[in-house]
Amino acid sequence: MKATPAERTKGVCSPPSIPLPAVRVDASVEILKALADPTRLQMVGVLKRASEPVCICDFTAAFALSQPTISHHVGKLREAGLVEVTKSGIWAYYRLARNLDVRTRAVLDALV
């Protein structure tokens, strides 16, 4: 016997299951938000190809952006866990985080 419109719940005949745990979704969203900016995606590409950590001054020169703007972008990448920083004197040097999980590395491989 067919369900009548009165028997349906919120217009769904068969509710789909949610495939990912909320904590994994939240972590993925933060990474994708960080990569959604063109400058940050380019920065990640530079870091992925670099054999040594990249100085913040090099980012400033390469992107023709002010130091505060570059710092903002790198800060977003750090918040997402994509990069790590080492300081030497007044300079900060960035590299891709060494503890990136395999899924994040696969995303980066696909994008840059």
PDB file of N, CA and C in Angstrom:
ATOM      1  N   MET A   1       0.837  -1.167   0.000  1.00  0.00           N
ATOM      2  CA  MET A   1       0.000   0.000   0.000  1.00  0.00           C
ATOM      3  C   MET A   1       0.889   1.239   0.000  1.00  0.00           C
ATOM      4  N   LYS A   2       0.561   2.237  -0.786  1.00  0.00           N
ATOM      5  CA  LYS A   2       1.342   3.462  -0.906  1.00  0.00           C
ATOM      6  C   LYS A   2       1.084   4.378   0.276  1.00  0.00           C
ATOM      7  N   ALA A   3       2.149   5.110   0.659  1.00  0.00           N
ATOM      8  CA  ALA A   3       1.992   6.092   1.729  1.00  0.00           C
ATOM      9  C   ALA A   3       1.201   7.275   1.207  1.00  0.00           C
ATOM     10  N   THR A   4       0.297   7.720   2.018  1.00  0.00           N
ATOM     11  CA  THR A   4      -0.465   8.918   1.644  1.00  0.00           C
ATOM     12  C   THR A   4       0.317  10.136   2.079  1.00  0.00           C
ATOM     13  N   PRO A   5       0.060  11.296   1.461  1.00  0.00           N
ATOM     14  CA  PRO A   5       0.799  12.503   1.837  1.00  0.00           C
ATOM     15  C   PRO A   5       0.753  12.795   3.333  1.00  0.00           C
ATOM     16  N   ALA A   6      -0.296  12.427   4.021  1.00  0.00           N
ATOM     17  CA  ALA A   6      -0.403  12.693   5.451  1.00  0.00           C
ATOM     18  C   ALA A   6       0.569  11.837   6.258  1.00  0.00           C
ATOM     19  N   GLU A   7       1.004  10.680   5.717  1.00  0.00           N
ATOM     20  CA  GLU A   7       1.894   9.787   6.437  1.00  0.00           C
ATOM     21  C   GLU A   7       3.371  10.115   6.227  1.00  0.00           C
ATOM     22  N   ARG A   8       3.691  10.985   5.310  1.00  0.00           N
ATOM     23  CA  ARG A   8       5.085  11.328   5.016  1.00  0.00           C
ATOM     24  C   ARG A   8       5.629  12.273   6.082  1.00  0.00           C
ATOM     25  N   THR A   9       6.914  12.121   6.368  1.00  0.00           N
ATOM     26  CA  THR A   9       7.577  12.980   7.338  1.00  0.00           C
ATOM     27  C   THR A   9       8.397  14.017   6.593  1.00  0.00           C
ATOM     28  N   LYS A  10       8.055  15.266   6.742  1.00  0.00           N
ATOM     29  CA  LYS A  10       8.796  16.383   6.139  1.00  0.00           C
ATOM     30  C   LYS A  10       9.085  16.157   4.663  1.00  0.00           C
ATOM     31  N   GLY A  11       8.204  15.484   3.967  1.00  0.00           N
ATOM     32  CA  GLY A  11       8.375  15.301   2.537  1.00  0.00           C
ATOM     33  C   GLY A  11       9.439  14.285   2.152  1.00  0.00           C
ATOM     34  N   VAL A  12       9.941  13.504   3.105  1.00  0.00           N
ATOM     35  CA  VAL A  12      10.989  12.530   2.818  1.00  0.00           C
ATOM     36  C   VAL A  12      10.413  11.133   2.929  1.00  0.00           C
ATOM     37  N   CYS A  13      10.576  10.383   1.857  1.00  0.00           N
ATOM     38  CA  CYS A  13      10.094   8.999   1.868  1.00  0.00           C
ATOM     39  C   CYS A  13      11.045   8.089   2.620  1.00  0.00           C
ATOM     40  N   SER A  14      12.336   8.308   2.420  1.00  0.00           N
ATOM     41  CA  SER A  14      13.349   7.481   3.050  1.00  0.00           C
ATOM     42  C   SER A  14      14.520   8.386   3.446  1.00  0.00           C
ATOM     43  N   PRO A  15      14.592   8.817   4.708  1.00  0.00           N
ATOM     44  CA  PRO A  15      15.643   9.753   5.115  1.00  0.00           C
ATOM     45  C   PRO A  15      17.046   9.175   4.875  1.00  0.00           C
ATOM     46  N   PRO A  16      17.950   9.968   4.282  1.00  0.00           N
ATOM     47  CA  PRO A  16      19.310   9.477   4.054  1.00  0.00           C
ATOM     48  C   PRO A  16      20.104   9.443   5.358  1.00  0.00           C
ATOM     49  N   SER A  17      21.058   8.556   5.422  1.00  0.00           N
ATOM     50  CA  SER A  17      21.925   8.520   6.597  1.00  0.00           C
ATOM     51  C   SER A  17      23.036   9.542   6.401  1.00  0.00           C
ATOM     52  N   ILE A  18      23.511  10.093   7.472  1.00  0.00           N
ATOM     53  CA  ILE A  18      24.608  11.051   7.430  1.00  0.00           C
ATOM     54  C   ILE A  18      25.911  10.248   7.428  1.00  0.00           C
ATOM     55  N   PRO A  19      26.726  10.367   6.351  1.00  0.00           N
ATOM     56  CA  PRO A  19      27.868   9.475   6.204  1.00  0.00           C
ATOM     57  C   PRO A  19      29.101   9.818   7.045  1.00  0.00           C
ATOM     58  N   LEU A  20      29.255  11.070   7.462  1.00  0.00           N
ATOM     59  CA  LEU A  20      30.469  11.462   8.169  1.00  0.00           C
ATOM     60  C   LEU A  20      30.155  11.957   9.571  1.00  0.00           C
ATOM     61  N   PRO A  21      31.032  11.666  10.521  1.00  0.00           N
ATOM     62  CA  PRO A  21      30.848  12.205  11.865  1.00  0.00           C
ATOM     63  C   PRO A  21      30.992  13.734  11.837  1.00  0.00           C
ATOM     64  N   ALA A  22      30.251  14.412  12.682  1.00  0.00           N
ATOM     65  CA  ALA A  22      30.251  15.877  12.711  1.00  0.00           C
ATOM     66  C   ALA A  22      31.645  16.453  12.940  1.00  0.00           C
ATOM     67  N   VAL A  23      32.441  15.828  13.783  1.00  0.00           N
ATOM     68  CA  VAL A  23      33.776  16.350  14.067  1.00  0.00           C
ATOM     69  C   VAL A  23      34.658  16.301  12.823  1.00  0.00           C
ATOM     70  N   ARG A  24      34.519  15.266  12.023  1.00  0.00           N
ATOM     71  CA  ARG A  24      35.297  15.159  10.776  1.00  0.00           C
ATOM     72  C   ARG A  24      34.832  16.198   9.762  1.00  0.00           C
ATOM     73  N   VAL A  25      33.530  16.413   9.698  1.00  0.00           N
ATOM     74  CA  VAL A  25      32.987  17.428   8.799  1.00  0.00           C
ATOM     75  C   VAL A  25      33.506  18.807   9.192  1.00  0.00           C
ATOM     76  N   ASP A  26      33.478  19.109  10.496  1.00  0.00           N
ATOM     77  CA  ASP A  26      33.954  20.415  10.960  1.00  0.00           C
ATOM     78  C   ASP A  26      35.419  20.640  10.606  1.00  0.00           C
ATOM     79  N   ALA A  27      36.260  19.638  10.791  1.00  0.00           N
ATOM     80  CA  ALA A  27      37.681  19.762  10.471  1.00  0.00           C
ATOM     81  C   ALA A  27      37.875  19.947   8.967  1.00  0.00           C
ATOM     82  N   SER A  28      37.131  19.215   8.170  1.00  0.00           N
ATOM     83  CA  SER A  28      37.235  19.333   6.717  1.00  0.00           C
ATOM     84  C   SER A  28      36.791  20.704   6.242  1.00  0.00           C
ATOM     85  N   VAL A  29      35.731  21.220   6.825  1.00  0.00           N
ATOM     86  CA  VAL A  29      35.226  22.538   6.441  1.00  0.00           C
ATOM     87  C   VAL A  29      36.262  23.615   6.738  1.00  0.00           C
ATOM     88  N   GLU A  30      36.935  23.530   7.871  1.00  0.00           N
ATOM     89  CA  GLU A  30      37.956  24.522   8.205  1.00  0.00           C
ATOM     90  C   GLU A  30      39.103  24.499   7.201  1.00  0.00           C
ATOM     91  N   ILE A  31      39.513  23.323   6.784  1.00  0.00           N
ATOM     92  CA  ILE A  31      40.579  23.206   5.787  1.00  0.00           C
ATOM     93  C   ILE A  31      40.112  23.772   4.450  1.00  0.00           C
ATOM     94  N   LEU A  32      38.913  23.415   4.043  1.00  0.00           N
ATOM     95  CA  LEU A  32      38.406  23.896   2.758  1.00  0.00           C
ATOM     96  C   LEU A  32      38.193  25.407   2.765  1.00  0.00           C
ATOM     97  N   LYS A  33      37.746  25.967   3.882  1.00  0.00           N
ATOM     98  CA  LYS A  33      37.605  27.424   3.990  1.00  0.00           C
ATOM     99  C   LYS A  33      38.963  28.104   3.836  1.00  0.00           C
ATOM    100  N   ALA A  34      39.976  27.550   4.468  1.00  0.00           N
ATOM    101  CA  ALA A  34      41.316  28.137   4.381  1.00  0.00           C
ATOM    102  C   ALA A  34      41.832  28.088   2.952  1.00  0.00           C
ATOM    103  N   LEU A  35      41.528  27.034   2.229  1.00  0.00           N
ATOM    104  CA  LEU A  35      42.013  26.879   0.861  1.00  0.00           C
ATOM    105  C   LEU A  35      41.153  27.609  -0.169  1.00  0.00           C
ATOM    106  N   ALA A  36      39.991  28.103   0.240  1.00  0.00           N
ATOM    107  CA  ALA A  36      39.062  28.734  -0.692  1.00  0.00           C
ATOM    108  C   ALA A  36      39.518  30.112  -1.163  1.00  0.00           C
ATOM    109  N   ASP A  37      40.502  30.704  -0.512  1.00  0.00           N
ATOM    110  CA  ASP A  37      41.014  32.011  -0.914  1.00  0.00           C
ATOM    111  C   ASP A  37      42.136  31.816  -1.944  1.00  0.00           C
ATOM    112  N   PRO A  38      42.115  32.561  -3.060  1.00  0.00           N
ATOM    113  CA  PRO A  38      43.138  32.379  -4.097  1.00  0.00           C
ATOM    114  C   PRO A  38      44.572  32.582  -3.604  1.00  0.00           C
ATOM    115  N   THR A  39      44.794  33.585  -2.767  1.00  0.00           N
ATOM    116  CA  THR A  39      46.150  33.828  -2.263  1.00  0.00           C
ATOM    117  C   THR A  39      46.610  32.683  -1.384  1.00  0.00           C
ATOM    118  N   ARG A  40      45.741  32.218  -0.504  1.00  0.00           N
ATOM    119  CA  ARG A  40      46.124  31.120   0.388  1.00  0.00           C
ATOM    120  C   ARG A  40      46.368  29.840  -0.391  1.00  0.00           C
ATOM    121  N   LEU A  41      45.570  29.576  -1.412  1.00  0.00           N
ATOM    122  CA  LEU A  41      45.792  28.382  -2.225  1.00  0.00           C
ATOM    123  C   LEU A  41      47.147  28.474  -2.927  1.00  0.00           C
ATOM    124  N   GLN A  42      47.482  29.648  -3.436  1.00  0.00           N
ATOM    125  CA  GLN A  42      48.793  29.844  -4.059  1.00  0.00           C
ATOM    126  C   GLN A  42      49.915  29.651  -3.032  1.00  0.00           C
ATOM    127  N   MET A  43      49.718  30.178  -1.819  1.00  0.00           N
ATOM    128  CA  MET A  43      50.733  30.026  -0.767  1.00  0.00           C
ATOM    129  C   MET A  43      50.968  28.558  -0.449  1.00  0.00           C
ATOM    130  N   VAL A  44      49.902  27.790  -0.350  1.00  0.00           N
ATOM    131  CA  VAL A  44      50.033  26.358  -0.084  1.00  0.00           C
ATOM    132  C   VAL A  44      50.781  25.685  -1.231  1.00  0.00           C
ATOM    133  N   GLY A  45      50.511  26.107  -2.460  1.00  0.00           N
ATOM    134  CA  GLY A  45      51.239  25.564  -3.596  1.00  0.00           C
ATOM    135  C   GLY A  45      52.732  25.855  -3.513  1.00  0.00           C
ATOM    136  N   VAL A  46      53.071  27.071  -3.104  1.00  0.00           N
ATOM    137  CA  VAL A  46      54.484  27.434  -2.932  1.00  0.00           C
ATOM    138  C   VAL A  46      55.112  26.550  -1.860  1.00  0.00           C
ATOM    139  N   LEU A  47      54.425  26.407  -0.731  1.00  0.00           N
ATOM    140  CA  LEU A  47      54.966  25.604   0.369  1.00  0.00           C
ATOM    141  C   LEU A  47      55.087  24.134  -0.011  1.00  0.00           C
ATOM    142  N   LYS A  48      54.145  23.647  -0.785  1.00  0.00           N
ATOM    143  CA  LYS A  48      54.177  22.237  -1.192  1.00  0.00           C
ATOM    144  C   LYS A  48      55.384  21.941  -2.081  1.00  0.00           C
ATOM    145  N   ARG A  49      55.735  22.907  -2.911  1.00  0.00           N
ATOM    146  CA  ARG A  49      56.867  22.719  -3.830  1.00  0.00           C
ATOM    147  C   ARG A  49      58.213  23.099  -3.222  1.00  0.00           C
ATOM    148  N   ALA A  50      58.204  23.815  -2.101  1.00  0.00           N
ATOM    149  CA  ALA A  50      59.448  24.311  -1.507  1.00  0.00           C
ATOM    150  C   ALA A  50      60.205  23.187  -0.802  1.00  0.00           C
ATOM    151  N   SER A  51      61.515  23.185  -0.990  1.00  0.00           N
ATOM    152  CA  SER A  51      62.344  22.192  -0.308  1.00  0.00           C
ATOM    153  C   SER A  51      62.745  22.674   1.086  1.00  0.00           C
ATOM    154  N   GLU A  52      62.647  23.958   1.324  1.00  0.00           N
ATOM    155  CA  GLU A  52      62.966  24.574   2.621  1.00  0.00           C
ATOM    156  C   GLU A  52      61.793  25.449   3.053  1.00  0.00           C
ATOM    157  N   PRO A  53      61.693  25.758   4.349  1.00  0.00           N
ATOM    158  CA  PRO A  53      60.648  26.691   4.783  1.00  0.00           C
ATOM    159  C   PRO A  53      60.769  28.028   4.054  1.00  0.00           C
ATOM    160  N   VAL A  54      59.632  28.677   3.842  1.00  0.00           N
ATOM    161  CA  VAL A  54      59.559  29.930   3.093  1.00  0.00           C
ATOM    162  C   VAL A  54      59.407  31.099   4.067  1.00  0.00           C
ATOM    163  N   CYS A  55      60.242  32.117   3.873  1.00  0.00           N
ATOM    164  CA  CYS A  55      60.211  33.306   4.722  1.00  0.00           C
ATOM    165  C   CYS A  55      58.972  34.143   4.402  1.00  0.00           C
ATOM    166  N   ILE A  56      58.398  34.732   5.428  1.00  0.00           N
ATOM    167  CA  ILE A  56      57.250  35.614   5.244  1.00  0.00           C
ATOM    168  C   ILE A  56      57.589  36.748   4.286  1.00  0.00           C
ATOM    169  N   CYS A  57      58.837  37.207   4.304  1.00  0.00           N
ATOM    170  CA  CYS A  57      59.244  38.296   3.401  1.00  0.00           C
ATOM    171  C   CYS A  57      59.165  37.855   1.944  1.00  0.00           C
ATOM    172  N   ASP A  58      59.409  36.580   1.681  1.00  0.00           N
ATOM    173  CA  ASP A  58      59.308  36.073   0.312  1.00  0.00           C
ATOM    174  C   ASP A  58      57.859  36.052  -0.164  1.00  0.00           C
ATOM    175  N   PHE A  59      56.948  35.709   0.725  1.00  0.00           N
ATOM    176  CA  PHE A  59      55.527  35.772   0.375  1.00  0.00           C
ATOM    177  C   PHE A  59      55.114  37.208   0.074  1.00  0.00           C
ATOM    178  N   THR A  60      55.585  38.145   0.894  1.00  0.00           N
ATOM    179  CA  THR A  60      55.239  39.551   0.695  1.00  0.00           C
ATOM    180  C   THR A  60      55.706  40.013  -0.683  1.00  0.00           C
ATOM    181  N   ALA A  61      56.912  39.647  -1.069  1.00  0.00           N
ATOM    182  CA  ALA A  61      57.442  40.041  -2.378  1.00  0.00           C
ATOM    183  C   ALA A  61      56.716  39.329  -3.519  1.00  0.00           C
ATOM    184  N   ALA A  62      56.444  38.041  -3.355  1.00  0.00           N
ATOM    185  CA  ALA A  62      55.839  37.256  -4.429  1.00  0.00           C
ATOM    186  C   ALA A  62      54.403  37.681  -4.729  1.00  0.00           C
ATOM    187  N   PHE A  63      53.663  38.065  -3.699  1.00  0.00           N
ATOM    188  CA  PHE A  63      52.249  38.370  -3.898  1.00  0.00           C
ATOM    189  C   PHE A  63      51.963  39.860  -3.972  1.00  0.00           C
ATOM    190  N   ALA A  64      52.978  40.699  -3.824  1.00  0.00           N
ATOM    191  CA  ALA A  64      52.798  42.148  -3.869  1.00  0.00           C
ATOM    192  C   ALA A  64      51.670  42.595  -2.938  1.00  0.00           C
ATOM    193  N   LEU A  65      51.645  41.996  -1.760  1.00  0.00           N
ATOM    194  CA  LEU A  65      50.676  42.356  -0.727  1.00  0.00           C
ATOM    195  C   LEU A  65      51.429  42.875   0.487  1.00  0.00           C
ATOM    196  N   SER A  66      50.750  43.618   1.312  1.00  0.00           N
ATOM    197  CA  SER A  66      51.396  44.146   2.513  1.00  0.00           C
ATOM    198  C   SER A  66      51.676  43.023   3.501  1.00  0.00           C
ATOM    199  N   GLN A  67      52.615  43.261   4.378  1.00  0.00           N
ATOM    200  CA  GLN A  67      52.972  42.259   5.389  1.00  0.00           C
ATOM    201  C   GLN A  67      51.779  41.905   6.274  1.00  0.00           C
ATOM    202  N   PRO A  68      50.965  42.885   6.723  1.00  0.00           N
ATOM    203  CA  PRO A  68      49.799  42.491   7.528  1.00  0.00           C
ATOM    204  C   PRO A  68      48.813  41.589   6.769  1.00  0.00           C
ATOM    205  N   THR A  69      48.649  41.831   5.481  1.00  0.00           N
ATOM    206  CA  THR A  69      47.749  40.986   4.686  1.00  0.00           C
ATOM    207  C   THR A  69      48.309  39.577   4.552  1.00  0.00           C
ATOM    208  N   ILE A  70      49.590  39.475   4.289  1.00  0.00           N
ATOM    209  CA  ILE A  70      50.239  38.157   4.209  1.00  0.00           C
ATOM    210  C   ILE A  70      50.122  37.440   5.547  1.00  0.00           C
ATOM    211  N   SER A  71      50.374  38.153   6.633  1.00  0.00           N
ATOM    212  CA  SER A  71      50.262  37.549   7.971  1.00  0.00           C
ATOM    213  C   SER A  71      48.847  37.049   8.237  1.00  0.00           C
ATOM    214  N   HIS A  72      47.858  37.795   7.790  1.00  0.00           N
ATOM    215  CA  HIS A  72      46.461  37.370   7.946  1.00  0.00           C
ATOM    216  C   HIS A  72      46.233  36.039   7.216  1.00  0.00           C
ATOM    217  N   HIS A  73      46.704  35.964   5.969  1.00  0.00           N
ATOM    218  CA  HIS A  73      46.519  34.735   5.185  1.00  0.00           C
ATOM    219  C   HIS A  73      47.242  33.547   5.827  1.00  0.00           C
ATOM    220  N   VAL A  74      48.469  33.761   6.256  1.00  0.00           N
ATOM    221  CA  VAL A  74      49.219  32.668   6.876  1.00  0.00           C
ATOM    222  C   VAL A  74      48.560  32.267   8.201  1.00  0.00           C
ATOM    223  N   GLY A  75      48.025  33.241   8.911  1.00  0.00           N
ATOM    224  CA  GLY A  75      47.312  32.937  10.151  1.00  0.00           C
ATOM    225  C   GLY A  75      46.114  32.028   9.912  1.00  0.00           C
ATOM    226  N   LYS A  76      45.381  32.270   8.839  1.00  0.00           N
ATOM    227  CA  LYS A  76      44.242  31.405   8.499  1.00  0.00           C
ATOM    228  C   LYS A  76      44.708  29.987   8.173  1.00  0.00           C
ATOM    229  N   LEU A  77      45.834  29.885   7.473  1.00  0.00           N
ATOM    230  CA  LEU A  77      46.384  28.558   7.169  1.00  0.00           C
ATOM    231  C   LEU A  77      46.845  27.846   8.440  1.00  0.00           C
ATOM    232  N   ARG A  78      47.410  28.611   9.368  1.00  0.00           N
ATOM    233  CA  ARG A  78      47.840  28.017  10.649  1.00  0.00           C
ATOM    234  C   ARG A  78      46.635  27.547  11.459  1.00  0.00           C
ATOM    235  N   GLU A  79      45.589  28.378  11.519  1.00  0.00           N
ATOM    236  CA  GLU A  79      44.376  28.016  12.260  1.00  0.00           C
ATOM    237  C   GLU A  79      43.768  26.722  11.734  1.00  0.00           C
ATOM    238  N   ALA A  80      43.866  26.511  10.437  1.00  0.00           N
ATOM    239  CA  ALA A  80      43.329  25.296   9.819  1.00  0.00           C
ATOM    240  C   ALA A  80      44.265  24.104   9.983  1.00  0.00           C
ATOM    241  N   GLY A  81      45.456  24.341  10.546  1.00  0.00           N
ATOM    242  CA  GLY A  81      46.405  23.259  10.769  1.00  0.00           C
ATOM    243  C   GLY A  81      47.190  22.864   9.532  1.00  0.00           C
ATOM    244  N   LEU A  82      47.203  23.729   8.523  1.00  0.00           N
ATOM    245  CA  LEU A  82      47.880  23.397   7.275  1.00  0.00           C
ATOM    246  C   LEU A  82      49.356  23.761   7.268  1.00  0.00           C
ATOM    247  N   VAL A  83      49.743  24.774   8.036  1.00  0.00           N
ATOM    248  CA  VAL A  83      51.144  25.197   8.045  1.00  0.00           C
ATOM    249  C   VAL A  83      51.653  25.320   9.470  1.00  0.00           C
ATOM    250  N   GLU A  84      52.966  25.279   9.578  1.00  0.00           N
ATOM    251  CA  GLU A  84      53.629  25.520  10.857  1.00  0.00           C
ATOM    252  C   GLU A  84      54.723  26.553  10.638  1.00  0.00           C
ATOM    253  N   VAL A  85      55.095  27.236  11.704  1.00  0.00           N
ATOM    254  CA  VAL A  85      56.036  28.347  11.615  1.00  0.00           C
ATOM    255  C   VAL A  85      57.243  28.096  12.507  1.00  0.00           C
ATOM    256  N   THR A  86      58.387  28.580  12.027  1.00  0.00           N
ATOM    257  CA  THR A  86      59.620  28.607  12.806  1.00  0.00           C
ATOM    258  C   THR A  86      60.110  30.045  12.750  1.00  0.00           C
ATOM    259  N   LYS A  87      60.524  30.584  13.886  1.00  0.00           N
ATOM    260  CA  LYS A  87      61.023  31.956  13.900  1.00  0.00           C
ATOM    261  C   LYS A  87      62.532  31.961  14.051  1.00  0.00           C
ATOM    262  N   SER A  88      63.154  32.893  13.335  1.00  0.00           N
ATOM    263  CA  SER A  88      64.593  33.090  13.412  1.00  0.00           C
ATOM    264  C   SER A  88      64.832  34.598  13.388  1.00  0.00           C
ATOM    265  N   GLY A  89      65.198  35.137  14.536  1.00  0.00           N
ATOM    266  CA  GLY A  89      65.345  36.583  14.631  1.00  0.00           C
ATOM    267  C   GLY A  89      63.998  37.252  14.422  1.00  0.00           C
ATOM    268  N   ILE A  90      63.947  38.205  13.501  1.00  0.00           N
ATOM    269  CA  ILE A  90      62.688  38.899  13.232  1.00  0.00           C
ATOM    270  C   ILE A  90      61.860  38.223  12.153  1.00  0.00           C
ATOM    271  N   TRP A  91      62.395  37.169  11.545  1.00  0.00           N
ATOM    272  CA  TRP A  91      61.716  36.539  10.423  1.00  0.00           C
ATOM    273  C   TRP A  91      60.969  35.277  10.837  1.00  0.00           C
ATOM    274  N   ALA A  92      59.871  35.032  10.144  1.00  0.00           N
ATOM    275  CA  ALA A  92      59.084  33.818  10.341  1.00  0.00           C
ATOM    276  C   ALA A  92      59.176  32.990   9.067  1.00  0.00           C
ATOM    277  N   TYR A  93      59.404  31.704   9.228  1.00  0.00           N
ATOM    278  CA  TYR A  93      59.532  30.778   8.108  1.00  0.00           C
ATOM    279  C   TYR A  93      58.413  29.742   8.192  1.00  0.00           C
ATOM    280  N   TYR A  94      57.758  29.498   7.060  1.00  0.00           N
ATOM    281  CA  TYR A  94      56.596  28.615   7.024  1.00  0.00           C
ATOM    282  C   TYR A  94      56.854  27.393   6.167  1.00  0.00           C
ATOM    283  N   ARG A  95      56.214  26.306   6.583  1.00  0.00           N
ATOM    284  CA  ARG A  95      56.246  25.056   5.826  1.00  0.00           C
ATOM    285  C   ARG A  95      54.890  24.381   6.010  1.00  0.00           C
ATOM    286  N   LEU A  96      54.588  23.435   5.127  1.00  0.00           N
ATOM    287  CA  LEU A  96      53.370  22.654   5.335  1.00  0.00           C
ATOM    288  C   LEU A  96      53.519  21.892   6.642  1.00  0.00           C
ATOM    289  N   ALA A  97      52.440  21.756   7.356  1.00  0.00           N
ATOM    290  CA  ALA A  97      52.471  21.001   8.607  1.00  0.00           C
ATOM    291  C   ALA A  97      52.903  19.569   8.326  1.00  0.00           C
ATOM    292  N   ARG A  98      53.775  19.076   9.152  1.00  0.00           N
ATOM    293  CA  ARG A  98      54.296  17.718   8.942  1.00  0.00           C
ATOM    294  C   ARG A  98      53.294  16.640   9.320  1.00  0.00           C
ATOM    295  N   ASN A  99      52.299  16.998  10.128  1.00  0.00           N
ATOM    296  CA  ASN A  99      51.352  15.988  10.618  1.00  0.00           C
ATOM    297  C   ASN A  99      50.026  15.976   9.855  1.00  0.00           C
ATOM    298  N   LEU A 100      50.027  16.448   8.609  1.00  0.00           N
ATOM    299  CA  LEU A 100      48.791  16.424   7.818  1.00  0.00           C
ATOM    300  C   LEU A 100      48.360  14.983   7.581  1.00  0.00           C
ATOM    301  N   ASP A 101      47.050  14.741   7.736  1.00  0.00           N
ATOM    302  CA  ASP A 101      46.590  13.372   7.494  1.00  0.00           C
ATOM    303  C   ASP A 101      46.530  13.083   5.999  1.00  0.00           C
ATOM    304  N   VAL A 102      46.364  11.840   5.679  1.00  0.00           N
ATOM    305  CA  VAL A 102      46.427  11.381   4.290  1.00  0.00           C
ATOM    306  C   VAL A 102      45.325  12.015   3.438  1.00  0.00           C
ATOM    307  N   ARG A 103      44.138  12.245   4.001  1.00  0.00           N
ATOM    308  CA  ARG A 103      43.052  12.856   3.236  1.00  0.00           C
ATOM    309  C   ARG A 103      43.377  14.297   2.891  1.00  0.00           C
ATOM    310  N   THR A 104      43.962  15.038   3.845  1.00  0.00           N
ATOM    311  CA  THR A 104      44.327  16.429   3.583  1.00  0.00           C
ATOM    312  C   THR A 104      45.420  16.497   2.532  1.00  0.00           C
ATOM    313  N   ARG A 105      46.391  15.609   2.619  1.00  0.00           N
ATOM    314  CA  ARG A 105      47.453  15.581   1.599  1.00  0.00           C
ATOM    315  C   ARG A 105      46.876  15.261   0.224  1.00  0.00           C
ATOM    316  N   ALA A 106      45.900  14.383   0.171  1.00  0.00           N
ATOM    317  CA  ALA A 106      45.274  14.045  -1.102  1.00  0.00           C
ATOM    318  C   ALA A 106      44.541  15.256  -1.691  1.00  0.00           C
ATOM    319  N   VAL A 107      43.877  16.021  -0.851  1.00  0.00           N
ATOM    320  CA  VAL A 107      43.212  17.249  -1.309  1.00  0.00           C
ATOM    321  C   VAL A 107      44.244  18.226  -1.859  1.00  0.00           C
ATOM    322  N   LEU A 108      45.340  18.421  -1.130  1.00  0.00           N
ATOM    323  CA  LEU A 108      46.385  19.330  -1.592  1.00  0.00           C
ATOM    324  C   LEU A 108      47.000  18.835  -2.905  1.00  0.00           C
ATOM    325  N   ASP A 109      47.206  17.542  -3.024  1.00  0.00           N
ATOM    326  CA  ASP A 109      47.747  16.982  -4.268  1.00  0.00           C
ATOM    327  C   ASP A 109      46.801  17.256  -5.443  1.00  0.00           C
ATOM    328  N   ALA A 110      45.519  17.187  -5.191  1.00  0.00           N
ATOM    329  CA  ALA A 110      44.539  17.412  -6.253  1.00  0.00           C
ATOM    330  C   ALA A 110      44.436  18.888  -6.633  1.00  0.00           C
ATOM    331  N   LEU A 111      44.675  19.769  -5.679  1.00  0.00           N
ATOM    332  CA  LEU A 111      44.484  21.205  -5.923  1.00  0.00           C
ATOM    333  C   LEU A 111      45.724  21.931  -6.416  1.00  0.00           C
ATOM    334  N   VAL A 112      46.880  21.559  -5.895  1.00  0.00           N
ATOM    335  CA  VAL A 112      48.110  22.318  -6.247  1.00  0.00           C
ATOM    336  C   VAL A 112      49.214  21.388  -6.713  1.00  0.00           C
TER     337      VAL A 112
END
